[in-house]
PDB file of all heavy atoms in Angstrom:
ATOM      1  N   ILE A   1     -26.499 -50.096  35.604  1.00  0.00           N
ATOM      2  CA  ILE A   1     -25.302 -50.370  34.807  1.00  0.00           C
ATOM      3  C   ILE A   1     -25.661 -50.523  33.334  1.00  0.00           C
ATOM      4  O   ILE A   1     -24.955 -50.013  32.447  1.00  0.00           O
ATOM      5  CB  ILE A   1     -24.570 -51.615  35.349  1.00  0.00           C
ATOM      6  CG1 ILE A   1     -23.783 -51.242  36.611  1.00  0.00           C
ATOM      7  CG2 ILE A   1     -23.643 -52.222  34.295  1.00  0.00           C
ATOM      8  CD1 ILE A   1     -23.131 -52.406  37.300  1.00  0.00           C
ATOM      9  N   GLN A   2     -26.772 -51.174  33.051  1.00  0.00           N
ATOM     10  CA  GLN A   2     -27.171 -51.352  31.660  1.00  0.00           C
ATOM     11  C   GLN A   2     -27.545 -50.016  31.020  1.00  0.00           C
ATOM     12  O   GLN A   2     -27.220 -49.760  29.859  1.00  0.00           O
ATOM     13  CB  GLN A   2     -28.329 -52.334  31.542  1.00  0.00           C
ATOM     14  CG  GLN A   2     -28.647 -52.732  30.110  1.00  0.00           C
ATOM     15  CD  GLN A   2     -27.424 -53.277  29.374  1.00  0.00           C
ATOM     16  OE1 GLN A   2     -26.807 -54.242  29.815  1.00  0.00           O
ATOM     17  NE2 GLN A   2     -27.063 -52.657  28.250  1.00  0.00           N
ATOM     18  N   VAL A   3     -28.215 -49.151  31.773  1.00  0.00           N
ATOM     19  CA  VAL A   3     -28.552 -47.822  31.255  1.00  0.00           C
ATOM     20  C   VAL A   3     -27.280 -47.026  30.973  1.00  0.00           C
ATOM     21  O   VAL A   3     -27.174 -46.341  29.946  1.00  0.00           O
ATOM     22  CB  VAL A   3     -29.456 -47.070  32.259  1.00  0.00           C
ATOM     23  CG1 VAL A   3     -29.632 -45.610  31.829  1.00  0.00           C
ATOM     24  CG2 VAL A   3     -30.816 -47.743  32.360  1.00  0.00           C
ATOM     25  N   LEU A   4     -26.301 -47.126  31.855  1.00  0.00           N
ATOM     26  CA  LEU A   4     -25.034 -46.426  31.652  1.00  0.00           C
ATOM     27  C   LEU A   4     -24.322 -46.941  30.402  1.00  0.00           C
ATOM     28  O   LEU A   4     -23.758 -46.166  29.623  1.00  0.00           O
ATOM     29  CB  LEU A   4     -24.142 -46.595  32.884  1.00  0.00           C
ATOM     30  CG  LEU A   4     -24.587 -45.825  34.132  1.00  0.00           C
ATOM     31  CD1 LEU A   4     -23.865 -46.333  35.365  1.00  0.00           C
ATOM     32  CD2 LEU A   4     -24.340 -44.328  33.961  1.00  0.00           C
ATOM     33  N   LYS A   5     -24.339 -48.250  30.199  1.00  0.00           N
ATOM     34  CA  LYS A   5     -23.706 -48.830  29.009  1.00  0.00           C
ATOM     35  C   LYS A   5     -24.451 -48.414  27.735  1.00  0.00           C
ATOM     36  O   LYS A   5     -23.826 -48.182  26.684  1.00  0.00           O
ATOM     37  CB  LYS A   5     -23.649 -50.349  29.138  1.00  0.00           C
ATOM     38  CG  LYS A   5     -22.570 -50.853  30.101  1.00  0.00           C
ATOM     39  CD  LYS A   5     -22.544 -52.364  30.155  1.00  0.00           C
ATOM     40  CE  LYS A   5     -21.402 -52.863  31.013  1.00  0.00           C
ATOM     41  NZ  LYS A   5     -20.073 -52.650  30.377  1.00  0.00           N
ATOM     42  N   ASN A   6     -25.758 -48.320  27.830  1.00  0.00           N
ATOM     43  CA  ASN A   6     -26.535 -47.854  26.666  1.00  0.00           C
ATOM     44  C   ASN A   6     -26.173 -46.419  26.304  1.00  0.00           C
ATOM     45  O   ASN A   6     -26.191 -46.042  25.129  1.00  0.00           O
ATOM     46  CB  ASN A   6     -28.036 -47.950  26.952  1.00  0.00           C
ATOM     47  CG  ASN A   6     -28.523 -49.385  27.034  1.00  0.00           C
ATOM     48  OD1 ASN A   6     -27.859 -50.312  26.565  1.00  0.00           O
ATOM     49  ND2 ASN A   6     -29.686 -49.581  27.638  1.00  0.00           N
ATOM     50  N   GLU A   7     -25.836 -45.638  27.311  1.00  0.00           N
ATOM     51  CA  GLU A   7     -25.498 -44.234  27.096  1.00  0.00           C
ATOM     52  C   GLU A   7     -24.064 -44.058  26.579  1.00  0.00           C
ATOM     53  O   GLU A   7     -23.821 -43.287  25.651  1.00  0.00           O
ATOM     54  CB  GLU A   7     -25.663 -43.455  28.409  1.00  0.00           C
ATOM     55  CG  GLU A   7     -25.346 -41.977  28.324  1.00  0.00           C
ATOM     56  CD  GLU A   7     -26.468 -41.145  27.731  1.00  0.00           C
ATOM     57  OE1 GLU A   7     -27.566 -41.691  27.509  1.00  0.00           O
ATOM     58  OE2 GLU A   7     -26.251 -39.937  27.502  1.00  0.00           O
ATOM     59  N   PHE A   8     -23.128 -44.773  27.187  1.00  0.00           N
ATOM     60  CA  PHE A   8     -21.711 -44.530  26.922  1.00  0.00           C
ATOM     61  C   PHE A   8     -21.022 -45.647  26.135  1.00  0.00           C
ATOM     62  O   PHE A   8     -19.831 -45.556  25.857  1.00  0.00           O
ATOM     63  CB  PHE A   8     -20.963 -44.313  28.244  1.00  0.00           C
ATOM     64  CG  PHE A   8     -21.470 -43.136  29.040  1.00  0.00           C
ATOM     65  CD1 PHE A   8     -22.076 -43.320  30.267  1.00  0.00           C
ATOM     66  CD2 PHE A   8     -21.360 -41.847  28.541  1.00  0.00           C
ATOM     67  CE1 PHE A   8     -22.547 -42.241  31.004  1.00  0.00           C
ATOM     68  CE2 PHE A   8     -21.821 -40.765  29.260  1.00  0.00           C
ATOM     69  CZ  PHE A   8     -22.421 -40.955  30.493  1.00  0.00           C
ATOM     70  N   GLY A   9     -21.770 -46.684  25.770  1.00  0.00           N
ATOM     71  CA  GLY A   9     -21.185 -47.775  24.996  1.00  0.00           C
ATOM     72  C   GLY A   9     -21.046 -49.036  25.823  1.00  0.00           C
ATOM     73  O   GLY A   9     -20.817 -48.981  27.033  1.00  0.00           O
ATOM     74  N   GLN A  10     -21.181 -50.177  25.171  1.00  0.00           N
ATOM     75  CA  GLN A  10     -21.158 -51.449  25.886  1.00  0.00           C
ATOM     76  C   GLN A  10     -19.785 -51.755  26.494  1.00  0.00           C
ATOM     77  O   GLN A  10     -19.666 -52.592  27.387  1.00  0.00           O
ATOM     78  CB  GLN A  10     -21.598 -52.582  24.956  1.00  0.00           C
ATOM     79  CG  GLN A  10     -23.061 -52.493  24.529  1.00  0.00           C
ATOM     80  CD  GLN A  10     -24.021 -52.426  25.711  1.00  0.00           C
ATOM     81  OE1 GLN A  10     -23.982 -53.270  26.592  1.00  0.00           O
ATOM     82  NE2 GLN A  10     -24.897 -51.419  25.721  1.00  0.00           N
ATOM     83  N   ASP A  11     -18.739 -51.083  26.006  1.00  0.00           N
ATOM     84  CA  ASP A  11     -17.403 -51.276  26.572  1.00  0.00           C
ATOM     85  C   ASP A  11     -17.137 -50.352  27.763  1.00  0.00           C
ATOM     86  O   ASP A  11     -16.082 -50.450  28.398  1.00  0.00           O
ATOM     87  CB  ASP A  11     -16.327 -51.031  25.498  1.00  0.00           C
ATOM     88  CG  ASP A  11     -16.356 -52.083  24.403  1.00  0.00           C
ATOM     89  OD1 ASP A  11     -16.791 -53.222  24.690  1.00  0.00           O
ATOM     90  OD2 ASP A  11     -15.963 -51.764  23.263  1.00  0.00           O
ATOM     91  N   PHE A  12     -18.085 -49.462  28.052  1.00  0.00           N
ATOM     92  CA  PHE A  12     -17.911 -48.532  29.168  1.00  0.00           C
ATOM     93  C   PHE A  12     -17.861 -49.298  30.485  1.00  0.00           C
ATOM     94  O   PHE A  12     -18.701 -50.171  30.748  1.00  0.00           O
ATOM     95  CB  PHE A  12     -19.062 -47.527  29.191  1.00  0.00           C
ATOM     96  CG  PHE A  12     -19.010 -46.544  30.321  1.00  0.00           C
ATOM     97  CD1 PHE A  12     -18.023 -45.564  30.367  1.00  0.00           C
ATOM     98  CD2 PHE A  12     -19.949 -46.587  31.348  1.00  0.00           C
ATOM     99  CE1 PHE A  12     -17.977 -44.649  31.402  1.00  0.00           C
ATOM    100  CE2 PHE A  12     -19.919 -45.679  32.384  1.00  0.00           C
ATOM    101  CZ  PHE A  12     -18.920 -44.709  32.411  1.00  0.00           C
ATOM    102  N   ASP A  13     -16.884 -48.982  31.333  1.00  0.00           N
ATOM    103  CA  ASP A  13     -16.725 -49.669  32.619  1.00  0.00           C
ATOM    104  C   ASP A  13     -17.682 -49.042  33.642  1.00  0.00           C
ATOM    105  O   ASP A  13     -17.279 -48.249  34.509  1.00  0.00           O
ATOM    106  CB  ASP A  13     -15.278 -49.573  33.085  1.00  0.00           C
ATOM    107  CG  ASP A  13     -14.969 -50.534  34.233  1.00  0.00           C
ATOM    108  OD1 ASP A  13     -15.928 -51.063  34.823  1.00  0.00           O
ATOM    109  OD2 ASP A  13     -13.777 -50.746  34.522  1.00  0.00           O
ATOM    110  N   ALA A  14     -18.933 -49.432  33.523  1.00  0.00           N
ATOM    111  CA  ALA A  14     -19.978 -48.839  34.367  1.00  0.00           C
ATOM    112  C   ALA A  14     -19.798 -49.206  35.841  1.00  0.00           C
ATOM    113  O   ALA A  14     -20.144 -48.417  36.721  1.00  0.00           O
ATOM    114  CB  ALA A  14     -21.351 -49.284  33.880  1.00  0.00           C
ATOM    115  N   GLU A  15     -19.268 -50.386  36.107  1.00  0.00           N
ATOM    116  CA  GLU A  15     -19.054 -50.782  37.503  1.00  0.00           C
ATOM    117  C   GLU A  15     -17.993 -49.897  38.158  1.00  0.00           C
ATOM    118  O   GLU A  15     -18.157 -49.472  39.313  1.00  0.00           O
ATOM    119  CB  GLU A  15     -18.669 -52.255  37.569  1.00  0.00           C
ATOM    120  CG  GLU A  15     -19.802 -53.198  37.174  1.00  0.00           C
ATOM    121  CD  GLU A  15     -19.421 -54.655  37.329  1.00  0.00           C
ATOM    122  OE1 GLU A  15     -18.324 -54.933  37.841  1.00  0.00           O
ATOM    123  OE2 GLU A  15     -20.234 -55.508  36.936  1.00  0.00           O
ATOM    124  N   TYR A  16     -16.921 -49.619  37.418  1.00  0.00           N
ATOM    125  CA  TYR A  16     -15.888 -48.723  37.948  1.00  0.00           C
ATOM    126  C   TYR A  16     -16.468 -47.320  38.152  1.00  0.00           C
ATOM    127  O   TYR A  16     -16.183 -46.660  39.167  1.00  0.00           O
ATOM    128  CB  TYR A  16     -14.693 -48.661  36.993  1.00  0.00           C
ATOM    129  CG  TYR A  16     -13.618 -47.700  37.429  1.00  0.00           C
ATOM    130  CD1 TYR A  16     -12.706 -48.052  38.422  1.00  0.00           C
ATOM    131  CD2 TYR A  16     -13.527 -46.427  36.858  1.00  0.00           C
ATOM    132  CE1 TYR A  16     -11.729 -47.159  38.836  1.00  0.00           C
ATOM    133  CE2 TYR A  16     -12.554 -45.529  37.270  1.00  0.00           C
ATOM    134  CZ  TYR A  16     -11.657 -45.897  38.256  1.00  0.00           C
ATOM    135  OH  TYR A  16     -10.689 -45.008  38.660  1.00  0.00           O
ATOM    136  N   PHE A  17     -17.270 -46.884  37.203  1.00  0.00           N
ATOM    137  CA  PHE A  17     -17.923 -45.577  37.308  1.00  0.00           C
ATOM    138  C   PHE A  17     -18.757 -45.496  38.580  1.00  0.00           C
ATOM    139  O   PHE A  17     -18.646 -44.540  39.358  1.00  0.00           O
ATOM    140  CB  PHE A  17     -18.798 -45.346  36.076  1.00  0.00           C
ATOM    141  CG  PHE A  17     -19.667 -44.123  36.142  1.00  0.00           C
ATOM    142  CD1 PHE A  17     -19.165 -42.883  35.781  1.00  0.00           C
ATOM    143  CD2 PHE A  17     -20.986 -44.208  36.571  1.00  0.00           C
ATOM    144  CE1 PHE A  17     -19.958 -41.740  35.843  1.00  0.00           C
ATOM    145  CE2 PHE A  17     -21.784 -43.084  36.634  1.00  0.00           C
ATOM    146  CZ  PHE A  17     -21.270 -41.837  36.278  1.00  0.00           C
ATOM    147  N   LYS A  18     -19.614 -46.503  38.807  1.00  0.00           N
ATOM    148  CA  LYS A  18     -20.475 -46.483  39.982  1.00  0.00           C
ATOM    149  C   LYS A  18     -19.667 -46.582  41.276  1.00  0.00           C
ATOM    150  O   LYS A  18     -19.981 -45.921  42.267  1.00  0.00           O
ATOM    151  CB  LYS A  18     -21.504 -47.616  39.905  1.00  0.00           C
ATOM    152  CG  LYS A  18     -22.678 -47.303  38.979  1.00  0.00           C
ATOM    153  CD  LYS A  18     -23.732 -48.390  39.000  1.00  0.00           C
ATOM    154  CE  LYS A  18     -24.400 -48.535  40.337  1.00  0.00           C
ATOM    155  NZ  LYS A  18     -25.185 -47.336  40.742  1.00  0.00           N
ATOM    156  N   ASN A  19     -18.623 -47.401  41.277  1.00  0.00           N
ATOM    157  CA  ASN A  19     -17.800 -47.539  42.476  1.00  0.00           C
ATOM    158  C   ASN A  19     -17.040 -46.262  42.786  1.00  0.00           C
ATOM    159  O   ASN A  19     -16.875 -45.882  43.956  1.00  0.00           O
ATOM    160  CB  ASN A  19     -16.824 -48.707  42.319  1.00  0.00           C
ATOM    161  CG  ASN A  19     -17.507 -50.054  42.428  1.00  0.00           C
ATOM    162  OD1 ASN A  19     -18.541 -50.187  43.078  1.00  0.00           O
ATOM    163  ND2 ASN A  19     -16.939 -51.066  41.791  1.00  0.00           N
ATOM    164  N   THR A  20     -16.586 -45.563  41.722  1.00  0.00           N
ATOM    165  CA  THR A  20     -15.913 -44.277  41.920  1.00  0.00           C
ATOM    166  C   THR A  20     -16.873 -43.262  42.525  1.00  0.00           C
ATOM    167  O   THR A  20     -16.521 -42.520  43.450  1.00  0.00           O
ATOM    168  CB  THR A  20     -15.353 -43.753  40.586  1.00  0.00           C
ATOM    169  OG1 THR A  20     -14.419 -44.703  40.061  1.00  0.00           O
ATOM    170  CG2 THR A  20     -14.652 -42.414  40.773  1.00  0.00           C
ATOM    171  N   GLY A  21     -18.099 -43.248  42.012  1.00  0.00           N
ATOM    172  CA  GLY A  21     -19.114 -42.370  42.571  1.00  0.00           C
ATOM    173  C   GLY A  21     -19.462 -42.738  44.008  1.00  0.00           C
ATOM    174  O   GLY A  21     -19.637 -41.854  44.861  1.00  0.00           O
ATOM    175  N   LYS A  22     -19.536 -44.027  44.277  1.00  0.00           N
ATOM    176  CA  LYS A  22     -19.850 -44.492  45.636  1.00  0.00           C
ATOM    177  C   LYS A  22     -18.757 -44.067  46.618  1.00  0.00           C
ATOM    178  O   LYS A  22     -19.049 -43.605  47.727  1.00  0.00           O
ATOM    179  CB  LYS A  22     -20.007 -46.007  45.642  1.00  0.00           C
ATOM    180  CG  LYS A  22     -20.337 -46.594  47.005  1.00  0.00           C
ATOM    181  CD  LYS A  22     -20.484 -48.108  46.924  1.00  0.00           C
ATOM    182  CE  LYS A  22     -20.745 -48.712  48.293  1.00  0.00           C
ATOM    183  NZ  LYS A  22     -20.875 -50.187  48.229  1.00  0.00           N
ATOM    184  N   ASP A  23     -17.496 -44.221  46.213  1.00  0.00           N
ATOM    185  CA  ASP A  23     -16.389 -43.820  47.087  1.00  0.00           C
ATOM    186  C   ASP A  23     -16.457 -42.329  47.397  1.00  0.00           C
ATOM    187  O   ASP A  23     -16.226 -41.911  48.547  1.00  0.00           O
ATOM    188  CB  ASP A  23     -15.046 -44.151  46.422  1.00  0.00           C
ATOM    189  CG  ASP A  23     -14.780 -45.646  46.345  1.00  0.00           C
ATOM    190  OD1 ASP A  23     -15.456 -46.409  47.061  1.00  0.00           O
ATOM    191  OD2 ASP A  23     -13.899 -46.047  45.552  1.00  0.00           O
ATOM    192  N   PHE A  24     -16.774 -41.522  46.380  1.00  0.00           N
ATOM    193  CA  PHE A  24     -16.916 -40.081  46.580  1.00  0.00           C
ATOM    194  C   PHE A  24     -18.028 -39.793  47.586  1.00  0.00           C
ATOM    195  O   PHE A  24     -17.873 -39.003  48.516  1.00  0.00           O
ATOM    196  CB  PHE A  24     -17.224 -39.404  45.236  1.00  0.00           C
ATOM    197  CG  PHE A  24     -17.397 -37.914  45.322  1.00  0.00           C
ATOM    198  CD1 PHE A  24     -16.353 -37.068  44.990  1.00  0.00           C
ATOM    199  CD2 PHE A  24     -18.609 -37.348  45.711  1.00  0.00           C
ATOM    200  CE1 PHE A  24     -16.509 -35.683  45.058  1.00  0.00           C
ATOM    201  CE2 PHE A  24     -18.779 -35.979  45.779  1.00  0.00           C
ATOM    202  CZ  PHE A  24     -17.710 -35.143  45.457  1.00  0.00           C
ATOM    203  N   SER A  25     -19.184 -40.455  47.403  1.00  0.00           N
ATOM    204  CA  SER A  25     -20.339 -40.245  48.286  1.00  0.00           C
ATOM    205  C   SER A  25     -20.012 -40.627  49.721  1.00  0.00           C
ATOM    206  O   SER A  25     -20.359 -39.900  50.663  1.00  0.00           O
ATOM    207  CB  SER A  25     -21.536 -41.057  47.788  1.00  0.00           C
ATOM    208  OG  SER A  25     -21.955 -40.623  46.511  1.00  0.00           O
ATOM    209  N   TYR A  26     -19.321 -41.754  49.896  1.00  0.00           N
ATOM    210  CA  TYR A  26     -19.029 -42.215  51.256  1.00  0.00           C
ATOM    211  C   TYR A  26     -18.031 -41.293  51.955  1.00  0.00           C
ATOM    212  O   TYR A  26     -18.096 -41.127  53.187  1.00  0.00           O
ATOM    213  CB  TYR A  26     -18.534 -43.664  51.232  1.00  0.00           C
ATOM    214  CG  TYR A  26     -19.664 -44.656  51.384  1.00  0.00           C
ATOM    215  CD1 TYR A  26     -20.593 -44.838  50.362  1.00  0.00           C
ATOM    216  CD2 TYR A  26     -19.835 -45.383  52.556  1.00  0.00           C
ATOM    217  CE1 TYR A  26     -21.642 -45.731  50.491  1.00  0.00           C
ATOM    218  CE2 TYR A  26     -20.885 -46.281  52.698  1.00  0.00           C
ATOM    219  CZ  TYR A  26     -21.786 -46.445  51.666  1.00  0.00           C
ATOM    220  OH  TYR A  26     -22.837 -47.331  51.803  1.00  0.00           O
ATOM    221  N   ARG A  27     -17.128 -40.709  51.198  1.00  0.00           N
ATOM    222  CA  ARG A  27     -16.238 -39.712  51.813  1.00  0.00           C
ATOM    223  C   ARG A  27     -17.056 -38.531  52.317  1.00  0.00           C
ATOM    224  O   ARG A  27     -16.787 -37.994  53.406  1.00  0.00           O
ATOM    225  CB  ARG A  27     -15.173 -39.255  50.808  1.00  0.00           C
ATOM    226  CG  ARG A  27     -14.116 -40.305  50.510  1.00  0.00           C
ATOM    227  CD  ARG A  27     -12.909 -39.690  49.803  1.00  0.00           C
ATOM    228  NE  ARG A  27     -13.229 -39.132  48.499  1.00  0.00           N
ATOM    229  CZ  ARG A  27     -13.206 -39.822  47.365  1.00  0.00           C
ATOM    230  NH1 ARG A  27     -12.890 -41.111  47.378  1.00  0.00           N
ATOM    231  NH2 ARG A  27     -13.486 -39.230  46.208  1.00  0.00           N
ATOM    232  N   TYR A  28     -18.059 -38.136  51.532  1.00  0.00           N
ATOM    233  CA  TYR A  28     -18.948 -37.055  51.956  1.00  0.00           C
ATOM    234  C   TYR A  28     -19.724 -37.466  53.213  1.00  0.00           C
ATOM    235  O   TYR A  28     -19.817 -36.698  54.182  1.00  0.00           O
ATOM    236  CB  TYR A  28     -19.914 -36.690  50.832  1.00  0.00           C
ATOM    237  CG  TYR A  28     -20.897 -35.604  51.206  1.00  0.00           C
ATOM    238  CD1 TYR A  28     -20.616 -34.270  50.939  1.00  0.00           C
ATOM    239  CD2 TYR A  28     -22.101 -35.923  51.844  1.00  0.00           C
ATOM    240  CE1 TYR A  28     -21.500 -33.272  51.302  1.00  0.00           C
ATOM    241  CE2 TYR A  28     -22.989 -34.934  52.212  1.00  0.00           C
ATOM    242  CZ  TYR A  28     -22.695 -33.610  51.946  1.00  0.00           C
ATOM    243  OH  TYR A  28     -23.570 -32.620  52.321  1.00  0.00           O
ATOM    244  N   PHE A  29     -20.283 -38.682  53.199  1.00  0.00           N
ATOM    245  CA  PHE A  29     -21.081 -39.138  54.342  1.00  0.00           C
ATOM    246  C   PHE A  29     -20.230 -39.265  55.599  1.00  0.00           C
ATOM    247  O   PHE A  29     -20.690 -38.978  56.705  1.00  0.00           O
ATOM    248  CB  PHE A  29     -21.750 -40.477  54.022  1.00  0.00           C
ATOM    249  CG  PHE A  29     -22.708 -40.429  52.867  1.00  0.00           C
ATOM    250  CD1 PHE A  29     -22.865 -41.540  52.038  1.00  0.00           C
ATOM    251  CD2 PHE A  29     -23.452 -39.304  52.591  1.00  0.00           C
ATOM    252  CE1 PHE A  29     -23.742 -41.518  50.973  1.00  0.00           C
ATOM    253  CE2 PHE A  29     -24.333 -39.257  51.519  1.00  0.00           C
ATOM    254  CZ  PHE A  29     -24.480 -40.374  50.707  1.00  0.00           C
ATOM    255  N   ASP A  30     -18.984 -39.725  55.434  1.00  0.00           N
ATOM    256  CA  ASP A  30     -18.103 -39.859  56.595  1.00  0.00           C
ATOM    257  C   ASP A  30     -17.817 -38.506  57.227  1.00  0.00           C
ATOM    258  O   ASP A  30     -17.681 -38.393  58.450  1.00  0.00           O
ATOM    259  CB  ASP A  30     -16.776 -40.516  56.180  1.00  0.00           C
ATOM    260  CG  ASP A  30     -16.918 -41.997  55.889  1.00  0.00           C
ATOM    261  OD1 ASP A  30     -17.938 -42.585  56.301  1.00  0.00           O
ATOM    262  OD2 ASP A  30     -16.021 -42.574  55.239  1.00  0.00           O
ATOM    263  N   GLU A  31     -17.748 -37.472  56.392  1.00  0.00           N
ATOM    264  CA  GLU A  31     -17.437 -36.134  56.904  1.00  0.00           C
ATOM    265  C   GLU A  31     -18.672 -35.406  57.410  1.00  0.00           C
ATOM    266  O   GLU A  31     -18.617 -34.720  58.449  1.00  0.00           O
ATOM    267  CB  GLU A  31     -16.774 -35.309  55.798  1.00  0.00           C
ATOM    268  CG  GLU A  31     -16.336 -33.926  56.256  1.00  0.00           C
ATOM    269  CD  GLU A  31     -15.564 -33.166  55.204  1.00  0.00           C
ATOM    270  OE1 GLU A  31     -15.199 -33.778  54.164  1.00  0.00           O
ATOM    271  OE2 GLU A  31     -15.317 -31.958  55.396  1.00  0.00           O
ATOM    272  N   HIS A  32     -19.798 -35.566  56.705  1.00  0.00           N
ATOM    273  CA  HIS A  32     -20.981 -34.757  57.009  1.00  0.00           C
ATOM    274  C   HIS A  32     -22.161 -35.565  57.558  1.00  0.00           C
ATOM    275  O   HIS A  32     -23.151 -34.976  57.999  1.00  0.00           O
ATOM    276  CB  HIS A  32     -21.455 -34.022  55.743  1.00  0.00           C
ATOM    277  CG  HIS A  32     -20.408 -33.138  55.135  1.00  0.00           C
ATOM    278  ND1 HIS A  32     -20.049 -31.920  55.663  1.00  0.00           N
ATOM    279  CD2 HIS A  32     -19.637 -33.311  54.024  1.00  0.00           C
ATOM    280  CE1 HIS A  32     -19.118 -31.367  54.914  1.00  0.00           C
ATOM    281  NE2 HIS A  32     -18.844 -32.181  53.917  1.00  0.00           N
ATOM    282  N   GLY A  33     -22.082 -36.896  57.502  1.00  0.00           N
ATOM    283  CA  GLY A  33     -23.231 -37.723  57.840  1.00  0.00           C
ATOM    284  C   GLY A  33     -24.145 -37.872  56.633  1.00  0.00           C
ATOM    285  O   GLY A  33     -24.016 -37.148  55.641  1.00  0.00           O
ATOM    286  N   VAL A  34     -25.060 -38.818  56.715  1.00  0.00           N
ATOM    287  CA  VAL A  34     -26.028 -39.024  55.639  1.00  0.00           C
ATOM    288  C   VAL A  34     -27.181 -38.043  55.849  1.00  0.00           C
ATOM    289  O   VAL A  34     -27.848 -38.085  56.888  1.00  0.00           O
ATOM    290  CB  VAL A  34     -26.551 -40.468  55.620  1.00  0.00           C
ATOM    291  CG1 VAL A  34     -27.517 -40.670  54.461  1.00  0.00           C
ATOM    292  CG2 VAL A  34     -25.395 -41.465  55.515  1.00  0.00           C
ATOM    293  N   PRO A  35     -27.421 -37.135  54.898  1.00  0.00           N
ATOM    294  CA  PRO A  35     -28.434 -36.088  55.116  1.00  0.00           C
ATOM    295  C   PRO A  35     -29.849 -36.652  55.093  1.00  0.00           C
ATOM    296  O   PRO A  35     -30.284 -37.244  54.114  1.00  0.00           O
ATOM    297  CB  PRO A  35     -28.209 -35.120  53.947  1.00  0.00           C
ATOM    298  CG  PRO A  35     -27.572 -35.950  52.872  1.00  0.00           C
ATOM    299  CD  PRO A  35     -26.771 -37.006  53.577  1.00  0.00           C
ATOM    300  N   MET A  36     -30.553 -36.470  56.192  1.00  0.00           N
ATOM    301  CA  MET A  36     -31.901 -37.011  56.314  1.00  0.00           C
ATOM    302  C   MET A  36     -32.925 -35.972  55.860  1.00  0.00           C
ATOM    303  O   MET A  36     -32.758 -34.769  56.073  1.00  0.00           O
ATOM    304  CB  MET A  36     -32.162 -37.418  57.764  1.00  0.00           C
ATOM    305  CG  MET A  36     -33.327 -38.356  57.959  1.00  0.00           C
ATOM    306  SD  MET A  36     -33.204 -39.366  59.472  1.00  0.00           S
ATOM    307  CE  MET A  36     -32.743 -38.173  60.709  1.00  0.00           C
TER     308      MET A  36
END
């Protein structure tokens, strides 16, 4: 999160960014499984 804020600004909502990415990933995992 700190690296993301350093890149996009201290006001950047890095937690929302990561959670949005996590939700996307979990939709993929639910459909395809976690690739080993």
